[in-house]
Amino acid sequence: MDEAAAGVTANLGELKSHASATKTVALEPGTYILYCNISGHYAMGMWTLLTVTP
């Protein structure tokens, strides 16, 4: 994933296995992709779509 081209809005940093984190961001309505940017993880399915509605 080319983060510069995608327009990264927020980054949680690297998490340890089974860890969690919270990040608050102000998003305009639209569809966003949440993904793991560790090499190979996106291709293994570590992503999901997030839809923000007004």
PDB file of N, CA and C in Angstrom:
ATOM      1  N   MET A   1       0.856  -1.179   0.000  1.00  0.00           N
ATOM      2  CA  MET A   1       0.000   0.000   0.000  1.00  0.00           C
ATOM      3  C   MET A   1       0.893   1.230   0.000  1.00  0.00           C
ATOM      4  N   ASP A   2       0.651   2.128  -0.905  1.00  0.00           N
ATOM      5  CA  ASP A   2       1.396   3.388  -0.973  1.00  0.00           C
ATOM      6  C   ASP A   2       0.694   4.389  -0.065  1.00  0.00           C
ATOM      7  N   GLU A   3       1.201   4.552   1.158  1.00  0.00           N
ATOM      8  CA  GLU A   3       0.549   5.415   2.135  1.00  0.00           C
ATOM      9  C   GLU A   3       0.479   6.864   1.681  1.00  0.00           C
ATOM     10  N   ALA A   4       1.510   7.343   1.011  1.00  0.00           N
ATOM     11  CA  ALA A   4       1.507   8.729   0.542  1.00  0.00           C
ATOM     12  C   ALA A   4       0.379   8.954  -0.468  1.00  0.00           C
ATOM     13  N   ALA A   5       0.199   8.009  -1.381  1.00  0.00           N
ATOM     14  CA  ALA A   5      -0.856   8.129  -2.382  1.00  0.00           C
ATOM     15  C   ALA A   5      -2.236   7.932  -1.766  1.00  0.00           C
ATOM     16  N   ALA A   6      -2.308   7.117  -0.740  1.00  0.00           N
ATOM     17  CA  ALA A   6      -3.603   6.832  -0.108  1.00  0.00           C
ATOM     18  C   ALA A   6      -4.099   7.988   0.748  1.00  0.00           C
ATOM     19  N   GLY A   7      -3.196   8.835   1.215  1.00  0.00           N
ATOM     20  CA  GLY A   7      -3.613   9.938   2.066  1.00  0.00           C
ATOM     21  C   GLY A   7      -3.865   9.463   3.484  1.00  0.00           C
ATOM     22  N   VAL A   8      -2.848   9.022   4.174  1.00  0.00           N
ATOM     23  CA  VAL A   8      -2.984   8.491   5.534  1.00  0.00           C
ATOM     24  C   VAL A   8      -3.569   9.554   6.446  1.00  0.00           C
ATOM     25  N   THR A   9      -4.593   9.176   7.191  1.00  0.00           N
ATOM     26  CA  THR A   9      -5.247  10.085   8.128  1.00  0.00           C
ATOM     27  C   THR A   9      -4.737   9.894   9.545  1.00  0.00           C
ATOM     28  N   ALA A  10      -4.449   8.653   9.929  1.00  0.00           N
ATOM     29  CA  ALA A  10      -3.988   8.373  11.291  1.00  0.00           C
ATOM     30  C   ALA A  10      -3.150   7.103  11.270  1.00  0.00           C
ATOM     31  N   ASN A  11      -2.279   6.977  12.262  1.00  0.00           N
ATOM     32  CA  ASN A  11      -1.429   5.800  12.384  1.00  0.00           C
ATOM     33  C   ASN A  11      -1.346   5.434  13.855  1.00  0.00           C
ATOM     34  N   LEU A  12      -1.655   4.172  14.184  1.00  0.00           N
ATOM     35  CA  LEU A  12      -1.583   3.718  15.571  1.00  0.00           C
ATOM     36  C   LEU A  12      -0.191   3.276  15.972  1.00  0.00           C
ATOM     37  N   GLY A  13       0.687   3.092  15.004  1.00  0.00           N
ATOM     38  CA  GLY A  13       1.996   2.540  15.318  1.00  0.00           C
ATOM     39  C   GLY A  13       1.889   1.031  15.436  1.00  0.00           C
ATOM     40  N   GLU A  14       2.991   0.390  15.759  1.00  0.00           N
ATOM     41  CA  GLU A  14       3.011  -1.067  15.842  1.00  0.00           C
ATOM     42  C   GLU A  14       2.478  -1.538  17.186  1.00  0.00           C
ATOM     43  N   LEU A  15       1.600  -2.545  17.142  1.00  0.00           N
ATOM     44  CA  LEU A  15       1.029  -3.131  18.355  1.00  0.00           C
ATOM     45  C   LEU A  15       1.553  -4.541  18.541  1.00  0.00           C
ATOM     46  N   LYS A  16       1.721  -4.952  19.773  1.00  0.00           N
ATOM     47  CA  LYS A  16       2.104  -6.330  20.059  1.00  0.00           C
ATOM     48  C   LYS A  16       0.892  -7.235  19.860  1.00  0.00           C
ATOM     49  N   SER A  17       1.139  -8.514  19.651  1.00  0.00           N
ATOM     50  CA  SER A  17       0.068  -9.488  19.454  1.00  0.00           C
ATOM     51  C   SER A  17      -0.941  -9.408  20.589  1.00  0.00           C
ATOM     52  N   HIS A  18      -2.216  -9.400  20.243  1.00  0.00           N
ATOM     53  CA  HIS A  18      -3.347  -9.362  21.176  1.00  0.00           C
ATOM     54  C   HIS A  18      -3.470  -8.042  21.932  1.00  0.00           C
ATOM     55  N   ALA A  19      -2.727  -7.033  21.533  1.00  0.00           N
ATOM     56  CA  ALA A  19      -2.817  -5.717  22.168  1.00  0.00           C
ATOM     57  C   ALA A  19      -3.906  -4.905  21.477  1.00  0.00           C
ATOM     58  N   SER A  20      -4.287  -3.818  22.097  1.00  0.00           N
ATOM     59  CA  SER A  20      -5.261  -2.918  21.482  1.00  0.00           C
ATOM     60  C   SER A  20      -4.805  -1.487  21.719  1.00  0.00           C
ATOM     61  N   ALA A  21      -5.379  -0.583  20.941  1.00  0.00           N
ATOM     62  CA  ALA A  21      -5.065   0.830  21.076  1.00  0.00           C
ATOM     63  C   ALA A  21      -6.287   1.630  20.660  1.00  0.00           C
ATOM     64  N   THR A  22      -6.321   2.861  21.070  1.00  0.00           N
ATOM     65  CA  THR A  22      -7.416   3.754  20.716  1.00  0.00           C
ATOM     66  C   THR A  22      -6.844   5.000  20.066  1.00  0.00           C
ATOM     67  N   LYS A  23      -7.513   5.464  19.030  1.00  0.00           N
ATOM     68  CA  LYS A  23      -7.100   6.690  18.349  1.00  0.00           C
ATOM     69  C   LYS A  23      -8.367   7.436  17.966  1.00  0.00           C
ATOM     70  N   THR A  24      -8.433   8.701  18.263  1.00  0.00           N
ATOM     71  CA  THR A  24      -9.583   9.520  17.886  1.00  0.00           C
ATOM     72  C   THR A  24      -9.177  10.398  16.719  1.00  0.00           C
ATOM     73  N   VAL A  25      -9.964  10.345  15.657  1.00  0.00           N
ATOM     74  CA  VAL A  25      -9.712  11.183  14.482  1.00  0.00           C
ATOM     75  C   VAL A  25     -11.028  11.774  14.006  1.00  0.00           C
ATOM     76  N   ALA A  26     -10.979  12.952  13.449  1.00  0.00           N
ATOM     77  CA  ALA A  26     -12.166  13.589  12.865  1.00  0.00           C
ATOM     78  C   ALA A  26     -12.191  13.233  11.385  1.00  0.00           C
ATOM     79  N   LEU A  27     -13.201  12.501  10.973  1.00  0.00           N
ATOM     80  CA  LEU A  27     -13.311  12.055   9.584  1.00  0.00           C
ATOM     81  C   LEU A  27     -14.541  12.648   8.924  1.00  0.00           C
ATOM     82  N   GLU A  28     -14.387  13.065   7.700  1.00  0.00           N
ATOM     83  CA  GLU A  28     -15.518  13.499   6.894  1.00  0.00           C
ATOM     84  C   GLU A  28     -16.316  12.259   6.485  1.00  0.00           C
ATOM     85  N   PRO A  29     -17.615  12.410   6.201  1.00  0.00           N
ATOM     86  CA  PRO A  29     -18.370  11.263   5.697  1.00  0.00           C
ATOM     87  C   PRO A  29     -17.700  10.677   4.461  1.00  0.00           C
ATOM     88  N   GLY A  30     -17.679   9.368   4.392  1.00  0.00           N
ATOM     89  CA  GLY A  30     -17.069   8.677   3.265  1.00  0.00           C
ATOM     90  C   GLY A  30     -16.656   7.277   3.665  1.00  0.00           C
ATOM     91  N   THR A  31     -15.970   6.597   2.789  1.00  0.00           N
ATOM     92  CA  THR A  31     -15.491   5.240   3.042  1.00  0.00           C
ATOM     93  C   THR A  31     -13.976   5.277   3.166  1.00  0.00           C
ATOM     94  N   TYR A  32     -13.479   4.632   4.206  1.00  0.00           N
ATOM     95  CA  TYR A  32     -12.053   4.604   4.507  1.00  0.00           C
ATOM     96  C   TYR A  32     -11.610   3.149   4.628  1.00  0.00           C
ATOM     97  N   ILE A  33     -10.317   2.917   4.462  1.00  0.00           N
ATOM     98  CA  ILE A  33      -9.770   1.582   4.666  1.00  0.00           C
ATOM     99  C   ILE A  33      -8.864   1.621   5.891  1.00  0.00           C
ATOM    100  N   LEU A  34      -9.059   0.658   6.765  1.00  0.00           N
ATOM    101  CA  LEU A  34      -8.188   0.467   7.916  1.00  0.00           C
ATOM    102  C   LEU A  34      -7.341  -0.752   7.605  1.00  0.00           C
ATOM    103  N   TYR A  35      -6.027  -0.640   7.733  1.00  0.00           N
ATOM    104  CA  TYR A  35      -5.176  -1.759   7.345  1.00  0.00           C
ATOM    105  C   TYR A  35      -3.907  -1.801   8.172  1.00  0.00           C
ATOM    106  N   CYS A  36      -3.334  -2.973   8.230  1.00  0.00           N
ATOM    107  CA  CYS A  36      -2.042  -3.180   8.871  1.00  0.00           C
ATOM    108  C   CYS A  36      -0.965  -2.918   7.829  1.00  0.00           C
ATOM    109  N   ASN A  37      -0.021  -2.024   8.154  1.00  0.00           N
ATOM    110  CA  ASN A  37       1.008  -1.700   7.159  1.00  0.00           C
ATOM    111  C   ASN A  37       2.319  -2.453   7.385  1.00  0.00           C
ATOM    112  N   ILE A  38       2.297  -3.509   8.208  1.00  0.00           N
ATOM    113  CA  ILE A  38       3.460  -4.375   8.332  1.00  0.00           C
ATOM    114  C   ILE A  38       3.538  -5.209   7.054  1.00  0.00           C
ATOM    115  N   SER A  39       4.737  -5.339   6.519  1.00  0.00           N
ATOM    116  CA  SER A  39       4.939  -6.010   5.242  1.00  0.00           C
ATOM    117  C   SER A  39       4.201  -7.355   5.162  1.00  0.00           C
ATOM    118  N   GLY A  40       3.372  -7.494   4.132  1.00  0.00           N
ATOM    119  CA  GLY A  40       2.654  -8.740   3.874  1.00  0.00           C
ATOM    120  C   GLY A  40       1.319  -8.872   4.596  1.00  0.00           C
ATOM    121  N   HIS A  41       1.082  -8.089   5.616  1.00  0.00           N
ATOM    122  CA  HIS A  41      -0.151  -8.246   6.403  1.00  0.00           C
ATOM    123  C   HIS A  41      -1.392  -7.804   5.634  1.00  0.00           C
ATOM    124  N   TYR A  42      -1.288  -6.718   4.876  1.00  0.00           N
ATOM    125  CA  TYR A  42      -2.422  -6.286   4.056  1.00  0.00           C
ATOM    126  C   TYR A  42      -2.823  -7.398   3.093  1.00  0.00           C
ATOM    127  N   ALA A  43      -1.851  -7.999   2.438  1.00  0.00           N
ATOM    128  CA  ALA A  43      -2.116  -9.076   1.474  1.00  0.00           C
ATOM    129  C   ALA A  43      -2.729 -10.304   2.144  1.00  0.00           C
ATOM    130  N   MET A  44      -2.466 -10.487   3.449  1.00  0.00           N
ATOM    131  CA  MET A  44      -3.034 -11.627   4.185  1.00  0.00           C
ATOM    132  C   MET A  44      -4.441 -11.329   4.713  1.00  0.00           C
ATOM    133  N   GLY A  45      -4.959 -10.144   4.388  1.00  0.00           N
ATOM    134  CA  GLY A  45      -6.339  -9.831   4.770  1.00  0.00           C
ATOM    135  C   GLY A  45      -6.485  -8.985   6.015  1.00  0.00           C
ATOM    136  N   MET A  46      -5.420  -8.381   6.486  1.00  0.00           N
ATOM    137  CA  MET A  46      -5.504  -7.547   7.691  1.00  0.00           C
ATOM    138  C   MET A  46      -5.909  -6.123   7.314  1.00  0.00           C
ATOM    139  N   TRP A  47      -7.144  -6.012   6.835  1.00  0.00           N
ATOM    140  CA  TRP A  47      -7.726  -4.718   6.492  1.00  0.00           C
ATOM    141  C   TRP A  47      -9.243  -4.815   6.577  1.00  0.00           C
ATOM    142  N   THR A  48      -9.891  -3.681   6.683  1.00  0.00           N
ATOM    143  CA  THR A  48     -11.346  -3.627   6.679  1.00  0.00           C
ATOM    144  C   THR A  48     -11.763  -2.254   6.191  1.00  0.00           C
ATOM    145  N   LEU A  49     -12.996  -2.140   5.714  1.00  0.00           N
ATOM    146  CA  LEU A  49     -13.539  -0.856   5.299  1.00  0.00           C
ATOM    147  C   LEU A  49     -14.312  -0.232   6.454  1.00  0.00           C
ATOM    148  N   LEU A  50     -14.255   1.081   6.548  1.00  0.00           N
ATOM    149  CA  LEU A  50     -14.970   1.839   7.563  1.00  0.00           C
ATOM    150  C   LEU A  50     -15.773   2.896   6.829  1.00  0.00           C
ATOM    151  N   THR A  51     -17.092   2.940   7.064  1.00  0.00           N
ATOM    152  CA  THR A  51     -17.939   3.941   6.444  1.00  0.00           C
ATOM    153  C   THR A  51     -18.411   4.928   7.495  1.00  0.00           C
ATOM    154  N   VAL A  52     -18.155   6.209   7.239  1.00  0.00           N
ATOM    155  CA  VAL A  52     -18.589   7.289   8.131  1.00  0.00           C
ATOM    156  C   VAL A  52     -19.794   7.949   7.481  1.00  0.00           C
ATOM    157  N   THR A  53     -20.889   8.042   8.217  1.00  0.00           N
ATOM    158  CA  THR A  53     -22.103   8.668   7.706  1.00  0.00           C
ATOM    159  C   THR A  53     -22.389   9.948   8.482  1.00  0.00           C
ATOM    160  N   PRO A  54     -23.053  10.886   7.834  1.00  0.00           N
ATOM    161  CA  PRO A  54     -23.353  12.160   8.525  1.00  0.00           C
ATOM    162  C   PRO A  54     -24.360  11.975   9.647  1.00  0.00           C
TER     163      PRO A  54
END
